[in-house]
Amino acid sequence: MLILQIVMVLSLILSTIGFCTVVSTKTSLVLVIFYQGLLRSFGHFNHDEMIVVYFLVVLAFTPCGDEFSIDSRLRKTGKQRPAFAYAYPILLMQLLLAWVYVSSALIKLRVAGWKYLSADNLPALAIFHSLDNLHDTSFRIAFWLPQVKQYLPFVVAFVLIWELLFPLAIFWQRIRWWILGIGIVFHLSTLFVMNIFFPHQLAMYLIFVNWEPRMKRILKSNR
């Protein structure tokens, strides 16, 4: 397992710095899936970490090492591709992240129905997660929730609506930062209230940042 971890991390580092990306991105994808499968006996998945696997699939089969990478520095002439070749992978990853939130809301409604909005639902879930031993944190804010449970259905309904409307962040830049800002507050609140944190999903918010002008400035300054 230690050797597998070392090889996986080295492959991920090569993918990150853009060295031999045609090979390193694909080996990173295979090694991450295999390693995560071993940890979970190939029978369980974490919906927080799954989005990272989906992103690795996209990066493994798209030209992600053409410009800001070591590969581009080693090539004498850069590859000229249509702008669409670089735009559609970003759009695809944004759609994947949005679908994670939309599907989360749909599953909650499908499994629990309107009972998910009951005043006792959130306190029960939060207290349950605060009492078990499967989480790295031990915040006790959950035990205060029954005192304000009459207001919690409005909070839960707001979160459900936010999850369903998350795809708007892809197409409307004016409200993008509002939706992402709410997401940051939401994930931080789940850490303190329910002892559940989704750092991978928060990190994936970076896919909504327009990096092109920033990368151009960096490349110009290095020339």
C-alpha atoms as a PDB file:
ATOM      1  CA  MET A   1       0.000   0.000   0.000  1.00  0.00           C
ATOM      2  CA  LEU A   2       2.858   2.369   0.771  1.00  0.00           C
ATOM      3  CA  ILE A   3       4.439   1.746  -2.623  1.00  0.00           C
ATOM      4  CA  LEU A   4       1.060   2.267  -4.289  1.00  0.00           C
ATOM      5  CA  GLN A   5       0.620   5.544  -2.404  1.00  0.00           C
ATOM      6  CA  ILE A   6       4.065   6.783  -3.431  1.00  0.00           C
ATOM      7  CA  VAL A   7       3.541   5.909  -7.098  1.00  0.00           C
ATOM      8  CA  MET A   8       0.074   7.493  -7.076  1.00  0.00           C
ATOM      9  CA  VAL A   9       1.329  10.717  -5.500  1.00  0.00           C
ATOM     10  CA  LEU A  10       4.225  10.932  -7.951  1.00  0.00           C
ATOM     11  CA  SER A  11       1.844  10.424 -10.857  1.00  0.00           C
ATOM     12  CA  LEU A  12      -0.486  13.118  -9.519  1.00  0.00           C
ATOM     13  CA  ILE A  13       2.452  15.503  -9.120  1.00  0.00           C
ATOM     14  CA  LEU A  14       3.509  14.893 -12.723  1.00  0.00           C
ATOM     15  CA  SER A  15      -0.057  15.525 -13.863  1.00  0.00           C
ATOM     16  CA  THR A  16      -0.228  18.731 -11.835  1.00  0.00           C
ATOM     17  CA  ILE A  17       2.984  20.229 -13.186  1.00  0.00           C
ATOM     18  CA  GLY A  18       2.109  19.064 -16.700  1.00  0.00           C
ATOM     19  CA  PHE A  19       4.941  16.655 -17.393  1.00  0.00           C
ATOM     20  CA  CYS A  20       4.162  13.840 -19.842  1.00  0.00           C
ATOM     21  CA  THR A  21       0.506  14.615 -19.296  1.00  0.00           C
ATOM     22  CA  VAL A  22      -0.726  12.218 -21.978  1.00  0.00           C
ATOM     23  CA  VAL A  23       0.520   9.341 -19.817  1.00  0.00           C
ATOM     24  CA  SER A  24       0.589  10.780 -16.293  1.00  0.00           C
ATOM     25  CA  THR A  25      -3.052  11.907 -16.284  1.00  0.00           C
ATOM     26  CA  LYS A  26      -4.218   8.439 -17.308  1.00  0.00           C
ATOM     27  CA  THR A  27      -2.002   6.643 -14.787  1.00  0.00           C
ATOM     28  CA  SER A  28      -3.243   9.047 -12.098  1.00  0.00           C
ATOM     29  CA  LEU A  29      -6.833   8.165 -12.962  1.00  0.00           C
ATOM     30  CA  VAL A  30      -6.191   4.407 -12.812  1.00  0.00           C
ATOM     31  CA  LEU A  31      -4.136   4.577  -9.613  1.00  0.00           C
ATOM     32  CA  VAL A  32      -6.619   6.808  -7.772  1.00  0.00           C
ATOM     33  CA  ILE A  33      -9.553   4.553  -8.684  1.00  0.00           C
ATOM     34  CA  PHE A  34      -7.601   1.452  -7.664  1.00  0.00           C
ATOM     35  CA  TYR A  35      -6.361   2.986  -4.403  1.00  0.00           C
ATOM     36  CA  GLN A  36      -9.759   4.347  -3.407  1.00  0.00           C
ATOM     37  CA  GLY A  37     -11.302   0.993  -4.308  1.00  0.00           C
ATOM     38  CA  LEU A  38      -8.877  -0.851  -2.049  1.00  0.00           C
ATOM     39  CA  LEU A  39      -9.676   1.475   0.846  1.00  0.00           C
ATOM     40  CA  ARG A  40     -13.403   0.798   0.414  1.00  0.00           C
ATOM     41  CA  SER A  41     -13.242  -2.883  -0.644  1.00  0.00           C
ATOM     42  CA  PHE A  42     -14.608  -1.859  -4.061  1.00  0.00           C
ATOM     43  CA  GLY A  43     -18.078  -1.638  -2.579  1.00  0.00           C
ATOM     44  CA  HIS A  44     -18.507   1.887  -1.223  1.00  0.00           C
ATOM     45  CA  PHE A  45     -18.071   5.365  -2.634  1.00  0.00           C
ATOM     46  CA  ASN A  46     -17.783   8.786  -1.072  1.00  0.00           C
ATOM     47  CA  HIS A  47     -19.871  11.329  -2.969  1.00  0.00           C
ATOM     48  CA  ASP A  48     -17.444  14.060  -1.916  1.00  0.00           C
ATOM     49  CA  GLU A  49     -14.399  12.355  -3.408  1.00  0.00           C
ATOM     50  CA  MET A  50     -16.231  10.972  -6.463  1.00  0.00           C
ATOM     51  CA  ILE A  51     -16.258  14.415  -8.095  1.00  0.00           C
ATOM     52  CA  VAL A  52     -12.442  14.320  -8.062  1.00  0.00           C
ATOM     53  CA  VAL A  53     -12.511  10.984  -9.894  1.00  0.00           C
ATOM     54  CA  TYR A  54     -14.871  12.439 -12.493  1.00  0.00           C
ATOM     55  CA  PHE A  55     -12.546  15.389 -12.995  1.00  0.00           C
ATOM     56  CA  LEU A  56      -9.593  13.031 -13.420  1.00  0.00           C
ATOM     57  CA  VAL A  57     -11.512  11.223 -16.161  1.00  0.00           C
ATOM     58  CA  VAL A  58     -12.030  14.512 -18.006  1.00  0.00           C
ATOM     59  CA  LEU A  59      -8.395  15.592 -17.623  1.00  0.00           C
ATOM     60  CA  ALA A  60      -7.088  12.183 -18.703  1.00  0.00           C
ATOM     61  CA  PHE A  61      -8.725  12.441 -22.118  1.00  0.00           C
ATOM     62  CA  THR A  62      -8.462  16.155 -22.896  1.00  0.00           C
ATOM     63  CA  PRO A  63      -5.460  18.322 -23.933  1.00  0.00           C
ATOM     64  CA  CYS A  64      -4.868  19.752 -20.448  1.00  0.00           C
ATOM     65  CA  GLY A  65      -1.092  19.990 -20.886  1.00  0.00           C
ATOM     66  CA  ASP A  66      -0.896  22.116 -24.018  1.00  0.00           C
ATOM     67  CA  GLU A  67      -0.204  25.533 -22.537  1.00  0.00           C
ATOM     68  CA  PHE A  68       0.620  26.112 -18.847  1.00  0.00           C
ATOM     69  CA  SER A  69       2.782  23.020 -18.313  1.00  0.00           C
ATOM     70  CA  ILE A  70       6.286  21.624 -18.506  1.00  0.00           C
ATOM     71  CA  ASP A  71       5.296  19.766 -21.667  1.00  0.00           C
ATOM     72  CA  SER A  72       4.542  23.048 -23.430  1.00  0.00           C
ATOM     73  CA  ARG A  73       7.932  24.405 -22.373  1.00  0.00           C
ATOM     74  CA  LEU A  74       9.768  21.378 -23.703  1.00  0.00           C
ATOM     75  CA  ARG A  75       8.057  21.555 -27.082  1.00  0.00           C
ATOM     76  CA  LYS A  76       9.616  23.949 -29.570  1.00  0.00           C
ATOM     77  CA  THR A  77       6.278  24.759 -31.154  1.00  0.00           C
ATOM     78  CA  GLY A  78       3.021  24.741 -29.229  1.00  0.00           C
ATOM     79  CA  LYS A  79       0.065  22.741 -30.422  1.00  0.00           C
ATOM     80  CA  GLN A  80      -2.605  24.789 -32.117  1.00  0.00           C
ATOM     81  CA  ARG A  81      -6.098  23.548 -31.340  1.00  0.00           C
ATOM     82  CA  PRO A  82      -9.502  25.198 -31.694  1.00  0.00           C
ATOM     83  CA  ALA A  83     -10.615  27.161 -28.644  1.00  0.00           C
ATOM     84  CA  PHE A  84     -13.463  24.690 -28.214  1.00  0.00           C
ATOM     85  CA  ALA A  85     -10.930  21.937 -27.435  1.00  0.00           C
ATOM     86  CA  TYR A  86     -10.040  23.747 -24.219  1.00  0.00           C
ATOM     87  CA  ALA A  87     -13.464  25.188 -23.414  1.00  0.00           C
ATOM     88  CA  TYR A  88     -15.576  22.042 -23.467  1.00  0.00           C
ATOM     89  CA  PRO A  89     -13.559  20.157 -20.764  1.00  0.00           C
ATOM     90  CA  ILE A  90     -14.077  23.105 -18.413  1.00  0.00           C
ATOM     91  CA  LEU A  91     -17.771  23.197 -19.211  1.00  0.00           C
ATOM     92  CA  LEU A  92     -18.001  19.443 -18.703  1.00  0.00           C
ATOM     93  CA  MET A  93     -16.384  19.653 -15.259  1.00  0.00           C
ATOM     94  CA  GLN A  94     -18.680  22.507 -14.284  1.00  0.00           C
ATOM     95  CA  LEU A  95     -21.681  20.435 -15.360  1.00  0.00           C
ATOM     96  CA  LEU A  96     -20.419  17.460 -13.359  1.00  0.00           C
ATOM     97  CA  LEU A  97     -20.031  19.556 -10.222  1.00  0.00           C
ATOM     98  CA  ALA A  98     -23.467  21.093 -10.697  1.00  0.00           C
ATOM     99  CA  TRP A  99     -24.996  17.650 -11.156  1.00  0.00           C
ATOM    100  CA  VAL A 100     -23.529  16.544  -7.812  1.00  0.00           C
ATOM    101  CA  TYR A 101     -25.606  19.204  -6.073  1.00  0.00           C
ATOM    102  CA  VAL A 102     -28.732  18.746  -8.166  1.00  0.00           C
ATOM    103  CA  SER A 103     -28.696  14.972  -7.716  1.00  0.00           C
ATOM    104  CA  SER A 104     -28.153  15.433  -3.974  1.00  0.00           C
ATOM    105  CA  ALA A 105     -31.341  17.490  -3.716  1.00  0.00           C
ATOM    106  CA  LEU A 106     -33.292  15.073  -5.915  1.00  0.00           C
ATOM    107  CA  ILE A 107     -32.201  12.054  -3.860  1.00  0.00           C
ATOM    108  CA  LYS A 108     -33.233  13.750  -0.627  1.00  0.00           C
ATOM    109  CA  LEU A 109     -36.685  14.471  -2.033  1.00  0.00           C
ATOM    110  CA  ARG A 110     -37.016  11.002  -3.558  1.00  0.00           C
ATOM    111  CA  VAL A 111     -36.051   9.160  -0.366  1.00  0.00           C
ATOM    112  CA  ALA A 112     -37.617  11.346   2.304  1.00  0.00           C
ATOM    113  CA  GLY A 113     -40.130  13.382   0.336  1.00  0.00           C
ATOM    114  CA  TRP A 114     -41.541  16.452   2.034  1.00  0.00           C
ATOM    115  CA  LYS A 115     -40.677  14.884   5.402  1.00  0.00           C
ATOM    116  CA  TYR A 116     -37.145  16.061   4.735  1.00  0.00           C
ATOM    117  CA  LEU A 117     -38.423  19.554   5.573  1.00  0.00           C
ATOM    118  CA  SER A 118     -39.776  18.522   8.974  1.00  0.00           C
ATOM    119  CA  ALA A 119     -38.604  20.462  11.999  1.00  0.00           C
ATOM    120  CA  ASP A 120     -37.049  17.375  13.612  1.00  0.00           C
ATOM    121  CA  ASN A 121     -35.116  16.104  10.596  1.00  0.00           C
ATOM    122  CA  LEU A 122     -32.026  18.332  10.700  1.00  0.00           C
ATOM    123  CA  PRO A 123     -31.579  18.160  14.509  1.00  0.00           C
ATOM    124  CA  ALA A 124     -31.850  14.363  14.401  1.00  0.00           C
ATOM    125  CA  LEU A 125     -29.308  14.035  11.593  1.00  0.00           C
ATOM    126  CA  ALA A 126     -26.906  16.518  13.161  1.00  0.00           C
ATOM    127  CA  ILE A 127     -27.059  14.888  16.598  1.00  0.00           C
ATOM    128  CA  PHE A 128     -26.654  11.427  15.059  1.00  0.00           C
ATOM    129  CA  HIS A 129     -23.475  12.466  13.251  1.00  0.00           C
ATOM    130  CA  SER A 130     -22.202  14.245  16.353  1.00  0.00           C
ATOM    131  CA  LEU A 131     -22.561  11.135  18.531  1.00  0.00           C
ATOM    132  CA  ASP A 132     -20.896   8.573  16.273  1.00  0.00           C
ATOM    133  CA  ASN A 133     -17.175   7.944  16.025  1.00  0.00           C
ATOM    134  CA  LEU A 134     -16.799   8.053  12.241  1.00  0.00           C
ATOM    135  CA  HIS A 135     -15.907  11.729  11.939  1.00  0.00           C
ATOM    136  CA  ASP A 136     -12.665  13.569  12.585  1.00  0.00           C
ATOM    137  CA  THR A 137     -14.328  16.462  14.407  1.00  0.00           C
ATOM    138  CA  SER A 138     -16.437  16.564  17.556  1.00  0.00           C
ATOM    139  CA  PHE A 139     -18.343  19.857  17.483  1.00  0.00           C
ATOM    140  CA  ARG A 140     -21.441  19.959  19.692  1.00  0.00           C
ATOM    141  CA  ILE A 141     -23.468  22.714  18.018  1.00  0.00           C
ATOM    142  CA  ALA A 142     -25.955  20.050  16.905  1.00  0.00           C
ATOM    143  CA  PHE A 143     -27.298  19.749  20.445  1.00  0.00           C
ATOM    144  CA  TRP A 144     -28.466  23.383  20.331  1.00  0.00           C
ATOM    145  CA  LEU A 145     -30.599  22.843  17.222  1.00  0.00           C
ATOM    146  CA  PRO A 146     -33.732  21.502  18.997  1.00  0.00           C
ATOM    147  CA  GLN A 147     -34.072  24.897  20.655  1.00  0.00           C
ATOM    148  CA  VAL A 148     -34.534  26.587  17.261  1.00  0.00           C
ATOM    149  CA  LYS A 149     -36.081  23.725  15.312  1.00  0.00           C
ATOM    150  CA  GLN A 150     -39.135  25.788  14.283  1.00  0.00           C
ATOM    151  CA  TYR A 151     -36.845  27.820  11.990  1.00  0.00           C
ATOM    152  CA  LEU A 152     -34.897  24.921  10.533  1.00  0.00           C
ATOM    153  CA  PRO A 153     -37.409  23.871   7.806  1.00  0.00           C
ATOM    154  CA  PHE A 154     -36.795  27.258   6.162  1.00  0.00           C
ATOM    155  CA  VAL A 155     -33.030  26.678   6.296  1.00  0.00           C
ATOM    156  CA  VAL A 156     -33.353  23.185   4.834  1.00  0.00           C
ATOM    157  CA  ALA A 157     -35.697  24.420   2.091  1.00  0.00           C
ATOM    158  CA  PHE A 158     -33.236  27.204   1.230  1.00  0.00           C
ATOM    159  CA  VAL A 159     -30.403  24.652   0.890  1.00  0.00           C
ATOM    160  CA  LEU A 160     -32.531  22.405  -1.325  1.00  0.00           C
ATOM    161  CA  ILE A 161     -33.408  25.327  -3.605  1.00  0.00           C
ATOM    162  CA  TRP A 162     -29.750  26.361  -3.721  1.00  0.00           C
ATOM    163  CA  GLU A 163     -28.705  22.844  -4.744  1.00  0.00           C
ATOM    164  CA  LEU A 164     -31.330  22.708  -7.473  1.00  0.00           C
ATOM    165  CA  LEU A 165     -30.299  26.130  -8.792  1.00  0.00           C
ATOM    166  CA  PHE A 166     -26.556  25.425  -8.708  1.00  0.00           C
ATOM    167  CA  PRO A 167     -26.372  24.959 -12.530  1.00  0.00           C
ATOM    168  CA  LEU A 168     -27.141  28.661 -12.894  1.00  0.00           C
ATOM    169  CA  ALA A 169     -23.558  29.313 -11.765  1.00  0.00           C
ATOM    170  CA  ILE A 170     -22.407  27.863 -15.082  1.00  0.00           C
ATOM    171  CA  PHE A 171     -24.357  30.155 -17.382  1.00  0.00           C
ATOM    172  CA  TRP A 172     -24.930  33.385 -15.400  1.00  0.00           C
ATOM    173  CA  GLN A 173     -21.762  35.008 -14.146  1.00  0.00           C
ATOM    174  CA  ARG A 174     -23.663  37.681 -12.219  1.00  0.00           C
ATOM    175  CA  ILE A 175     -25.076  35.162  -9.769  1.00  0.00           C
ATOM    176  CA  ARG A 176     -22.158  32.715  -9.961  1.00  0.00           C
ATOM    177  CA  TRP A 177     -20.306  34.168  -7.009  1.00  0.00           C
ATOM    178  CA  TRP A 178     -23.504  34.296  -4.944  1.00  0.00           C
ATOM    179  CA  ILE A 179     -24.093  30.594  -5.531  1.00  0.00           C
ATOM    180  CA  LEU A 180     -20.464  29.694  -4.839  1.00  0.00           C
ATOM    181  CA  GLY A 181     -20.426  31.946  -1.771  1.00  0.00           C
ATOM    182  CA  ILE A 182     -23.489  30.192  -0.393  1.00  0.00           C
ATOM    183  CA  GLY A 183     -21.727  26.897  -1.086  1.00  0.00           C
ATOM    184  CA  ILE A 184     -18.716  27.932   0.978  1.00  0.00           C
ATOM    185  CA  VAL A 185     -20.953  28.950   3.885  1.00  0.00           C
ATOM    186  CA  PHE A 186     -22.958  25.733   3.538  1.00  0.00           C
ATOM    187  CA  HIS A 187     -19.930  23.434   3.627  1.00  0.00           C
ATOM    188  CA  LEU A 188     -18.362  25.263   6.553  1.00  0.00           C
ATOM    189  CA  SER A 189     -21.662  25.077   8.448  1.00  0.00           C
ATOM    190  CA  THR A 190     -21.922  21.313   7.876  1.00  0.00           C
ATOM    191  CA  LEU A 191     -18.491  20.975   9.460  1.00  0.00           C
ATOM    192  CA  PHE A 192     -19.491  22.720  12.675  1.00  0.00           C
ATOM    193  CA  VAL A 193     -23.120  21.585  12.851  1.00  0.00           C
ATOM    194  CA  MET A 194     -22.972  18.028  11.486  1.00  0.00           C
ATOM    195  CA  ASN A 195     -19.241  17.208  11.736  1.00  0.00           C
ATOM    196  CA  ILE A 196     -19.258  16.532   7.980  1.00  0.00           C
ATOM    197  CA  PHE A 197     -16.912  18.398   5.677  1.00  0.00           C
ATOM    198  CA  PHE A 198     -16.586  18.343   1.875  1.00  0.00           C
ATOM    199  CA  PRO A 199     -13.146  19.842   1.138  1.00  0.00           C
ATOM    200  CA  HIS A 200     -12.869  18.232  -2.293  1.00  0.00           C
ATOM    201  CA  GLN A 201     -16.062  19.853  -3.520  1.00  0.00           C
ATOM    202  CA  LEU A 202     -14.934  23.229  -2.191  1.00  0.00           C
ATOM    203  CA  ALA A 203     -11.610  22.851  -3.988  1.00  0.00           C
ATOM    204  CA  MET A 204     -13.464  22.074  -7.208  1.00  0.00           C
ATOM    205  CA  TYR A 205     -15.067  25.535  -7.076  1.00  0.00           C
ATOM    206  CA  LEU A 206     -11.821  26.737  -8.663  1.00  0.00           C
ATOM    207  CA  ILE A 207     -13.108  25.371 -11.974  1.00  0.00           C
ATOM    208  CA  PHE A 208     -15.413  28.406 -12.128  1.00  0.00           C
ATOM    209  CA  VAL A 209     -12.515  30.870 -11.988  1.00  0.00           C
ATOM    210  CA  ASN A 210     -11.477  32.298 -15.347  1.00  0.00           C
ATOM    211  CA  TRP A 211      -7.790  31.443 -15.261  1.00  0.00           C
ATOM    212  CA  GLU A 212      -6.961  32.400 -18.862  1.00  0.00           C
ATOM    213  CA  PRO A 213      -6.099  36.094 -18.314  1.00  0.00           C
ATOM    214  CA  ARG A 214      -4.141  35.211 -15.174  1.00  0.00           C
ATOM    215  CA  MET A 215      -2.154  32.517 -16.957  1.00  0.00           C
ATOM    216  CA  LYS A 216      -1.422  34.854 -19.869  1.00  0.00           C
ATOM    217  CA  ARG A 217      -0.010  37.454 -17.495  1.00  0.00           C
ATOM    218  CA  ILE A 218       2.190  34.809 -15.867  1.00  0.00           C
ATOM    219  CA  LEU A 219       3.422  33.501 -19.220  1.00  0.00           C
ATOM    220  CA  LYS A 220       4.175  37.035 -20.472  1.00  0.00           C
ATOM    221  CA  SER A 221       6.099  37.883 -17.327  1.00  0.00           C
ATOM    222  CA  ASN A 222       8.241  34.752 -17.751  1.00  0.00           C
ATOM    223  CA  ARG A 223       9.169  35.529 -21.346  1.00  0.00           C
END
